[in-house]
Amino acid sequence: MKKNRTKFFLLITLLMLVVSACNENSLSSENLVVTESSIVTTDESSATPTSISVSSGEDVTSTSAPALVETLLKTIDFEELDAGNMSASHHNTYYDGLIVADGRVTTTKKTSIDNKSLGMRMPASSTEDPRICTIKVTGYTKIVLDLKQERTHTRIKTNTGQEYKSSVNEEIIRDVEIITESIEELVFTFYTDTLISSTMDCGFDNIRFFGLGEEGTPSSSSEPTTSEESSASTSAVEVYDYITIRDIADFLETKEAHYPISDAFIKVHQQKSGGYIDYAKQLGKVVDKSICEPDQKWHFFDSWLIRTIEEGGMSWTDSAKVRVYTKLLCPELLLWIYEACGAPTEKIMNAYDVAVAGKEAGTHVSTIAKNMRACVPWTDLEVNIQSFLDNR
């Protein structure tokens, strides 16, 4: 019994020594830094444990870069910009200079790809004066866009060697892909090898810019430009030092449809046919000079301004002095514009007198309009329009 007790105490002592040694080893390992670990798992079907990877020493941070892939970075269309004509000589800038084009945003059917497109117009009787569209592509690997040409005998070529032409009139060529990683600017030239007798149009739209980005991480610039963002951008770029068609339209929109001097002229000398009279009849509107219908506000907006813009004959950013004050010829419309713009009554009456005299003498309307302008200078209209613009 005594021997057994002695063996028991020896075993207890041995176990205590083992536990003490284990604790010391555990304490001495506190300074180890584990930089890579995995959990031991067992495949239930094979009962074979997976490998364990544990290393000790200094902490190591991975420096491998994420994979870069070609991704959509930016999309540009022209939906939020004002529609206008495709000038044959006017140089325009869009989106803070990213796109520069000898053209305007248009809604004309023969050029529009969606609702609004950037259109170029080849002037008639010329093979030496092509239209140009330049898109800055620095940092992008390719662009994809849609093209449209009014006629099959026009061409679009690029500075990278491609040439595009339609197989049928007004054909839309979708998803044209052009590699741009080695160039700073992509230049489209719209031209014809054959002398043309009338203007020819082409359009660009839905321009998509691709570049290298992290896989699975779309660029914030890949979102289409919102109307608010674009309006801010456009307003920052499109600053004019003259009264535009948009400006005078905003002003005249607030005015009455009838004024006494222009109405008095209409009751005797209303245009008999053509122009706004024929258009009013086509729409079934009342045409009766005794009640001064159709009114001149409708004449200005519905019959002339909106139709001219939609047909590509004028832009919202054209000069109001040139397109309205100088080029409009209809006496009753000019008198209404003078009255609506608040020109001095005495000067308007002088314009009325020369208009009546011209009508009675059978004078050409261009001469009548010229004589009316001599009575009412542009400055008498400009001062009130500008006051409206400054205070709106």
Protein backbone atom coordinates (compact mmCIF):
# COMPACT_ATOMS: atom_id res chain seq x y z
CA MET A 1 0.00 0.00 0.00
CA LYS A 2 2.85 2.34 0.89
CA LYS A 3 4.60 1.57 -2.43
CA ASN A 4 1.47 2.35 -4.38
CA ARG A 5 1.06 5.70 -2.62
CA THR A 6 4.68 6.56 -3.44
CA LYS A 7 4.08 5.76 -7.15
CA PHE A 8 0.97 7.92 -7.14
CA PHE A 9 2.83 10.97 -5.78
CA LEU A 10 5.61 10.47 -8.33
CA LEU A 11 3.07 10.44 -11.15
CA ILE A 12 1.44 13.65 -9.87
CA THR A 13 4.82 15.37 -9.65
CA LEU A 14 5.69 14.30 -13.21
CA LEU A 15 2.40 15.63 -14.56
CA MET A 16 2.95 18.98 -12.83
CA LEU A 17 6.39 19.29 -14.43
CA VAL A 18 4.92 18.59 -17.89
CA VAL A 19 2.17 21.21 -17.45
CA SER A 20 4.71 23.79 -16.27
CA ALA A 21 6.89 23.17 -19.30
CA CYS A 22 3.93 23.59 -21.65
CA ASN A 23 3.00 26.92 -20.08
CA GLU A 24 6.54 28.25 -20.51
CA ASN A 25 6.50 27.30 -24.22
CA SER A 26 3.16 29.03 -24.67
CA LEU A 27 4.42 32.23 -23.03
CA SER A 28 7.56 32.28 -25.12
CA SER A 29 5.50 32.18 -28.32
CA GLU A 30 3.60 35.45 -27.61
CA ASN A 31 6.03 37.48 -29.73
CA LEU A 32 5.41 35.37 -32.84
CA VAL A 33 3.50 37.16 -35.70
CA VAL A 34 1.22 34.92 -37.69
CA THR A 35 1.03 36.23 -41.25
CA GLU A 36 -0.72 33.47 -43.05
CA SER A 37 -3.09 30.84 -41.68
CA SER A 38 -5.77 28.48 -42.71
CA ILE A 39 -8.19 26.31 -40.86
CA VAL A 40 -7.79 22.56 -40.86
CA THR A 41 -10.85 20.94 -42.38
CA THR A 42 -11.64 17.37 -43.15
CA ASP A 43 -13.20 16.11 -46.32
CA GLU A 44 -16.05 13.99 -45.02
CA SER A 45 -15.88 11.63 -47.96
CA SER A 46 -12.17 10.88 -47.72
CA ALA A 47 -11.43 11.91 -44.12
CA THR A 48 -8.26 13.52 -45.45
CA PRO A 49 -7.34 16.81 -43.79
CA THR A 50 -6.54 19.81 -45.96
CA SER A 51 -3.16 21.44 -45.75
CA ILE A 52 -2.32 23.96 -43.07
CA SER A 53 -0.16 26.97 -43.86
CA VAL A 54 1.21 28.95 -40.96
CA SER A 55 4.30 31.12 -41.02
CA SER A 56 5.90 33.27 -38.43
CA GLY A 57 8.11 36.33 -38.53
CA GLU A 58 7.56 39.89 -39.89
CA ASP A 59 4.12 40.99 -41.17
CA VAL A 60 4.09 41.00 -44.98
CA THR A 61 1.55 43.12 -46.95
CA SER A 62 0.56 42.03 -50.46
CA THR A 63 1.63 44.51 -53.20
CA SER A 64 -0.01 42.84 -56.20
CA ALA A 65 -2.19 45.35 -58.18
CA PRO A 66 -5.76 44.48 -59.12
CA ALA A 67 -6.27 43.35 -62.70
CA LEU A 68 -7.09 46.14 -65.18
CA VAL A 69 -9.63 45.49 -67.93
CA GLU A 70 -11.16 47.57 -70.71
CA THR A 71 -14.36 49.08 -69.38
CA LEU A 72 -16.88 51.80 -70.23
CA LEU A 73 -15.76 55.06 -68.62
CA LYS A 74 -17.98 57.74 -70.15
CA THR A 75 -21.05 58.09 -72.35
CA ILE A 76 -22.04 61.24 -74.23
CA ASP A 77 -25.22 61.95 -76.14
CA PHE A 78 -26.87 65.25 -76.99
CA GLU A 79 -30.33 64.90 -75.52
CA GLU A 80 -30.02 67.74 -73.02
CA LEU A 81 -28.53 70.30 -75.42
CA ASP A 82 -30.69 72.76 -77.35
CA ALA A 83 -31.55 71.80 -80.89
CA GLY A 84 -30.34 74.02 -83.70
CA ASN A 85 -29.14 74.15 -87.26
CA MET A 86 -26.06 72.44 -88.65
CA SER A 87 -24.06 75.49 -89.66
CA ALA A 88 -21.82 75.25 -92.70
CA SER A 89 -19.30 77.63 -91.16
CA HIS A 90 -19.89 77.89 -87.40
CA HIS A 91 -17.33 76.26 -85.09
CA ASN A 92 -18.85 74.83 -81.91
CA THR A 93 -17.59 73.31 -78.68
CA TYR A 94 -19.46 70.82 -76.48
CA TYR A 95 -18.81 69.28 -73.07
CA ASP A 96 -16.08 71.68 -71.97
CA GLY A 97 -14.06 71.15 -75.13
CA LEU A 98 -14.13 67.35 -75.24
CA ILE A 99 -15.98 67.53 -78.57
CA VAL A 100 -15.37 70.27 -81.12
CA ALA A 101 -17.42 70.22 -84.30
CA ASP A 102 -18.32 72.35 -87.25
CA GLY A 103 -21.99 71.61 -86.65
CA ARG A 104 -24.87 71.96 -84.23
CA VAL A 105 -27.22 69.75 -82.26
CA THR A 106 -30.18 68.90 -84.48
CA THR A 107 -33.52 67.14 -84.48
CA THR A 108 -33.99 67.04 -88.25
CA LYS A 109 -35.12 63.60 -89.37
CA LYS A 110 -32.48 63.06 -92.02
CA THR A 111 -29.66 63.45 -89.50
CA SER A 112 -31.13 62.62 -86.09
CA ILE A 113 -30.09 59.20 -84.74
CA ASP A 114 -32.08 59.36 -81.53
CA ASN A 115 -34.07 62.43 -80.54
CA LYS A 116 -31.15 64.84 -80.83
CA SER A 117 -27.83 64.27 -82.55
CA LEU A 118 -24.73 66.26 -83.32
CA GLY A 119 -25.08 67.09 -87.01
CA MET A 120 -22.69 68.35 -89.67
CA ARG A 121 -23.84 69.98 -92.89
CA MET A 122 -21.86 69.81 -96.11
CA PRO A 123 -22.53 73.05 -98.03
CA ALA A 124 -23.79 72.77 -101.59
CA SER A 125 -21.56 73.15 -104.66
CA SER A 126 -18.37 72.44 -102.75
CA THR A 127 -15.92 69.55 -102.58
CA GLU A 128 -13.18 71.64 -100.94
CA ASP A 129 -14.87 72.63 -97.68
CA PRO A 130 -15.53 69.51 -95.57
CA ARG A 131 -17.13 69.49 -92.13
CA ILE A 132 -15.00 68.37 -89.20
CA CYS A 133 -15.82 66.70 -85.87
CA THR A 134 -12.93 66.30 -83.40
CA ILE A 135 -13.22 64.16 -80.26
CA LYS A 136 -10.47 64.21 -77.63
CA VAL A 137 -9.55 60.62 -76.75
CA THR A 138 -6.38 60.90 -74.64
CA GLY A 139 -6.34 58.12 -72.04
CA TYR A 140 -9.04 56.05 -73.74
CA THR A 141 -8.44 52.77 -75.53
CA LYS A 142 -11.37 52.99 -77.93
CA ILE A 143 -14.64 54.75 -78.61
CA VAL A 144 -17.89 53.31 -79.90
CA LEU A 145 -20.51 55.54 -81.54
CA ASP A 146 -23.40 55.71 -84.00
CA LEU A 147 -23.17 57.43 -87.40
CA LYS A 148 -25.76 58.54 -89.93
CA GLN A 149 -25.46 59.98 -93.44
CA GLU A 150 -28.23 61.61 -95.41
CA ARG A 151 -27.04 60.38 -98.82
CA THR A 152 -25.03 57.43 -100.08
CA HIS A 153 -22.51 59.54 -102.01
CA THR A 154 -21.14 61.25 -98.92
CA ARG A 155 -18.23 59.85 -96.92
CA ILE A 156 -16.92 60.00 -93.35
CA LYS A 157 -13.22 59.30 -92.89
CA THR A 158 -11.05 59.38 -89.78
CA ASN A 159 -7.45 60.26 -89.07
CA THR A 160 -6.92 56.59 -88.14
CA GLY A 161 -7.62 55.43 -91.70
CA GLN A 162 -11.23 54.24 -91.56
CA GLU A 163 -13.88 55.37 -94.03
CA TYR A 164 -17.63 55.00 -93.60
CA LYS A 165 -20.46 55.33 -96.11
CA SER A 166 -24.11 54.36 -96.12
CA SER A 167 -25.55 51.69 -98.39
CA VAL A 168 -28.94 53.47 -98.42
CA ASN A 169 -29.98 57.06 -97.78
CA GLU A 170 -30.41 58.02 -94.10
CA GLU A 171 -28.95 54.73 -92.90
CA ILE A 172 -27.81 54.55 -89.26
CA ILE A 173 -24.53 52.71 -88.76
CA ARG A 174 -24.67 51.45 -85.19
CA ASP A 175 -21.82 50.69 -82.77
CA VAL A 176 -18.89 51.84 -84.88
CA GLU A 177 -15.77 50.83 -82.90
CA ILE A 178 -12.50 52.76 -83.33
CA ILE A 179 -9.23 52.03 -81.47
CA THR A 180 -7.83 55.26 -79.98
CA GLU A 181 -5.15 54.21 -77.48
CA SER A 182 -2.28 55.62 -79.58
CA ILE A 183 -3.81 59.04 -80.47
CA GLU A 184 -4.85 62.20 -78.65
CA GLU A 185 -7.67 63.27 -80.96
CA LEU A 186 -10.02 61.38 -83.23
CA VAL A 187 -10.94 63.50 -86.26
CA PHE A 188 -13.96 62.74 -88.44
CA THR A 189 -14.12 64.46 -91.83
CA PHE A 190 -17.45 64.54 -93.61
CA TYR A 191 -16.93 65.07 -97.35
CA THR A 192 -17.97 64.17 -100.87
CA ASP A 193 -15.99 63.41 -104.00
CA THR A 194 -18.89 64.50 -106.19
CA LEU A 195 -20.08 68.08 -106.68
CA ILE A 196 -23.43 68.39 -104.91
CA SER A 197 -26.29 70.73 -105.76
CA SER A 198 -27.83 70.86 -102.28
CA THR A 199 -26.64 70.54 -98.70
CA MET A 200 -25.93 67.07 -97.33
CA ASP A 201 -26.03 66.12 -93.67
CA CYS A 202 -24.49 63.58 -91.32
CA GLY A 203 -24.89 62.88 -87.62
CA PHE A 204 -22.97 61.55 -84.61
CA ASP A 205 -24.51 60.25 -81.39
CA ASN A 206 -24.23 57.88 -78.39
CA ILE A 207 -20.47 58.27 -78.06
CA ARG A 208 -19.04 55.73 -75.60
CA PHE A 209 -15.50 56.04 -74.23
CA PHE A 210 -13.62 52.92 -73.08
CA GLY A 211 -10.42 52.73 -71.05
CA LEU A 212 -8.57 50.54 -68.56
CA GLY A 213 -10.16 50.20 -65.14
CA GLU A 214 -10.23 47.74 -62.25
CA GLU A 215 -12.24 44.63 -62.94
CA GLY A 216 -15.63 44.74 -61.28
CA THR A 217 -15.20 48.38 -60.27
CA PRO A 218 -17.03 50.60 -62.76
CA SER A 219 -15.74 54.14 -63.06
CA SER A 220 -17.86 56.87 -61.57
CA SER A 221 -17.68 58.65 -64.90
CA SER A 222 -19.39 55.71 -66.60
CA GLU A 223 -22.75 57.07 -65.50
CA PRO A 224 -24.41 59.12 -68.24
CA THR A 225 -24.29 62.86 -67.65
CA THR A 226 -27.43 63.99 -65.85
CA SER A 227 -29.49 66.87 -67.17
CA GLU A 228 -28.52 69.04 -64.19
CA GLU A 229 -24.82 68.29 -64.58
CA SER A 230 -24.95 68.86 -68.30
CA SER A 231 -26.89 72.09 -67.92
CA ALA A 232 -24.25 73.38 -65.55
CA SER A 233 -21.51 72.32 -67.96
CA THR A 234 -23.28 73.75 -70.98
CA SER A 235 -24.08 77.05 -69.30
CA ALA A 236 -20.45 77.36 -68.29
CA VAL A 237 -19.32 76.96 -71.90
CA GLU A 238 -22.08 78.61 -73.90
CA VAL A 239 -21.76 82.27 -72.92
CA TYR A 240 -22.77 84.78 -75.58
CA ASP A 241 -22.12 88.52 -75.79
CA TYR A 242 -25.23 89.09 -77.91
CA ILE A 243 -28.96 88.46 -77.66
CA THR A 244 -29.72 85.00 -79.02
CA ILE A 245 -32.84 83.53 -80.56
CA ARG A 246 -33.46 81.76 -77.25
CA ASP A 247 -33.22 85.09 -75.41
CA ILE A 248 -35.70 86.96 -77.60
CA ALA A 249 -38.04 83.94 -77.62
CA ASP A 250 -38.07 83.85 -73.81
CA PHE A 251 -38.82 87.57 -73.79
CA LEU A 252 -41.58 87.50 -76.44
CA GLU A 253 -43.20 84.47 -74.80
CA THR A 254 -44.29 86.80 -71.99
CA LYS A 255 -46.00 89.26 -74.38
CA GLU A 256 -49.56 89.67 -75.67
CA ALA A 257 -50.86 88.18 -78.90
CA HIS A 258 -52.39 91.47 -80.08
CA TYR A 259 -51.21 95.08 -80.04
CA PRO A 260 -53.07 98.08 -81.50
CA ILE A 261 -50.70 99.29 -84.22
CA SER A 262 -49.98 95.89 -85.75
CA ASP A 263 -53.69 94.97 -85.53
CA ALA A 264 -54.64 98.18 -87.35
CA PHE A 265 -52.25 97.29 -90.15
CA ILE A 266 -53.56 93.72 -90.39
CA LYS A 267 -57.18 94.80 -90.75
CA VAL A 268 -56.30 96.49 -94.04
CA HIS A 269 -53.06 95.01 -95.28
CA GLN A 270 -52.85 91.45 -93.98
CA GLN A 271 -50.75 89.12 -96.14
CA LYS A 272 -53.14 87.46 -98.60
CA SER A 273 -51.43 84.08 -99.10
CA GLY A 274 -48.22 82.12 -98.65
CA GLY A 275 -46.13 81.85 -95.49
CA TYR A 276 -48.02 81.87 -92.22
CA ILE A 277 -51.40 82.35 -93.94
CA ASP A 278 -51.14 79.09 -95.89
CA TYR A 279 -49.81 77.26 -92.83
CA ALA A 280 -52.74 78.50 -90.72
CA LYS A 281 -55.20 77.27 -93.37
CA GLN A 282 -53.42 73.93 -93.49
CA LEU A 283 -53.96 73.55 -89.74
CA GLY A 284 -57.59 74.66 -89.94
CA LYS A 285 -56.99 77.89 -88.02
CA VAL A 286 -59.23 80.90 -88.48
CA VAL A 287 -57.88 83.30 -91.11
CA ASP A 288 -59.82 86.57 -90.86
CA LYS A 289 -58.16 89.97 -91.04
CA SER A 290 -61.20 91.68 -89.52
CA ILE A 291 -60.37 90.02 -86.18
CA CYS A 292 -56.60 89.99 -86.81
CA GLU A 293 -56.32 86.23 -87.00
CA PRO A 294 -54.07 84.36 -87.05
CA ASP A 295 -52.36 86.52 -84.43
CA GLN A 296 -48.73 87.55 -84.79
CA LYS A 297 -47.52 85.81 -81.65
CA TRP A 298 -48.62 82.51 -83.20
CA HIS A 299 -47.04 83.67 -86.46
CA PHE A 300 -43.70 84.28 -84.73
CA PHE A 301 -43.52 81.12 -82.62
CA ASP A 302 -45.55 78.37 -84.27
CA SER A 303 -45.39 79.29 -87.92
CA TRP A 304 -41.85 80.66 -88.13
CA LEU A 305 -39.48 80.05 -85.20
CA ILE A 306 -40.22 76.45 -84.16
CA ARG A 307 -40.62 75.18 -87.71
CA THR A 308 -37.42 76.88 -88.87
CA ILE A 309 -35.42 75.34 -86.03
CA GLU A 310 -36.91 71.88 -86.51
CA GLU A 311 -36.16 72.01 -90.22
CA GLY A 312 -32.53 72.89 -89.49
CA GLY A 313 -32.65 76.46 -90.80
CA MET A 314 -31.81 78.23 -87.54
CA SER A 315 -30.22 77.67 -84.14
CA TRP A 316 -31.35 78.80 -80.70
CA THR A 317 -27.93 80.45 -80.34
CA ASP A 318 -28.11 82.48 -83.55
CA SER A 319 -28.15 86.27 -83.26
CA ALA A 320 -31.62 87.73 -82.72
CA LYS A 321 -30.52 90.97 -84.32
CA VAL A 322 -29.55 89.15 -87.52
CA ARG A 323 -32.32 86.53 -87.74
CA VAL A 324 -35.27 88.47 -86.30
CA TYR A 325 -34.64 92.20 -86.61
CA THR A 326 -32.77 92.16 -89.93
CA LYS A 327 -34.01 89.13 -91.88
CA LEU A 328 -37.73 88.98 -91.11
CA LEU A 329 -39.66 90.78 -93.85
CA CYS A 330 -43.39 90.51 -93.04
CA PRO A 331 -44.62 94.04 -92.09
CA GLU A 332 -47.36 92.92 -89.68
CA LEU A 333 -44.96 90.62 -87.84
CA LEU A 334 -42.30 93.32 -87.60
CA LEU A 335 -44.84 95.80 -86.21
CA TRP A 336 -45.93 93.25 -83.57
CA ILE A 337 -42.29 92.63 -82.59
CA TYR A 338 -41.65 96.38 -82.26
CA GLU A 339 -44.71 96.77 -80.02
CA ALA A 340 -43.99 93.64 -77.97
CA CYS A 341 -40.41 94.83 -77.41
CA GLY A 342 -41.60 98.21 -76.14
CA ALA A 343 -40.07 100.45 -78.80
CA PRO A 344 -41.16 104.12 -78.64
CA THR A 345 -44.70 104.49 -80.02
CA GLU A 346 -43.74 107.42 -82.27
CA LYS A 347 -41.08 105.33 -83.99
CA ILE A 348 -43.49 102.41 -84.41
CA MET A 349 -46.04 104.74 -86.00
CA ASN A 350 -43.37 105.93 -88.44
CA ALA A 351 -42.69 102.28 -89.33
CA TYR A 352 -46.44 101.75 -89.73
CA ASP A 353 -46.66 104.70 -92.16
CA VAL A 354 -43.81 103.45 -94.37
CA ALA A 355 -45.30 99.94 -94.33
CA VAL A 356 -48.70 101.23 -95.48
CA ALA A 357 -47.08 103.41 -98.15
CA GLY A 358 -45.06 100.47 -99.37
CA LYS A 359 -48.07 98.17 -99.55
CA GLU A 360 -50.13 100.72 -101.47
CA ALA A 361 -47.28 101.34 -103.90
CA GLY A 362 -46.65 97.65 -104.47
CA THR A 363 -43.09 97.92 -103.09
CA HIS A 364 -41.19 94.67 -102.53
CA VAL A 365 -41.39 93.44 -98.94
CA SER A 366 -37.59 93.50 -98.53
CA THR A 367 -37.60 97.23 -99.27
CA ILE A 368 -40.55 97.82 -96.96
CA ALA A 369 -38.74 95.98 -94.16
CA LYS A 370 -35.58 98.01 -94.79
CA ASN A 371 -37.55 101.27 -94.54
CA MET A 372 -39.21 100.07 -91.32
CA ARG A 373 -35.82 99.27 -89.77
CA ALA A 374 -34.75 102.83 -90.54
CA CYS A 375 -37.61 104.02 -88.32
CA VAL A 376 -37.02 101.61 -85.41
CA PRO A 377 -33.36 100.86 -84.66
CA TRP A 378 -32.30 97.57 -83.04
CA THR A 379 -31.17 99.41 -79.91
CA ASP A 380 -34.81 100.31 -79.12
CA LEU A 381 -35.62 96.59 -78.92
CA GLU A 382 -32.34 95.46 -77.39
CA VAL A 383 -32.54 97.67 -74.31
CA ASN A 384 -35.80 96.12 -73.10
CA ILE A 385 -34.86 92.55 -73.98
CA GLN A 386 -31.56 92.91 -72.13
CA SER A 387 -33.34 94.39 -69.09
CA PHE A 388 -35.61 91.34 -69.04
CA LEU A 389 -32.65 88.97 -69.28
CA ASP A 390 -30.75 90.78 -66.51
CA ASN A 391 -33.67 90.62 -64.10
CA ARG A 392 -35.22 87.21 -64.72
